[in-house]
């Protein structure tokens, strides 16, 4: 089962979920706001993608962090702590496919995966 992780009101997450639904692809949605960020999954994402790819350093949540909090994110452990405390700092959607993990939505690469 494909799992889409994110926030329901995020435009990219909406687009990704609609894309999967329109193609009849069964998937489960995990809402960061209601269900939190699963710690074991976060560890998998960091290992598979790297913290630089996972943390959205261009988004509103990142910009709203204190400067010293942003400066302290220098490795996977510090990125993990920020992501646990501020789930909206994670790029979205994170998708767990049968053969790996991706972040963001790209219709061409998703088509190739299916």
Foldseek 3Di string as FASTA:
>chain_A
DKEKEEAVVDPQSVVVVVLCVVVVHDYHYDHCVPRNDDLVVLVQCCVQPNLVQFFQCPDPVNVPDPPVLNVPPDGSVSSSVCCRVPVNRTAGIWMQDPVGIDGTDDPVVVVVVD
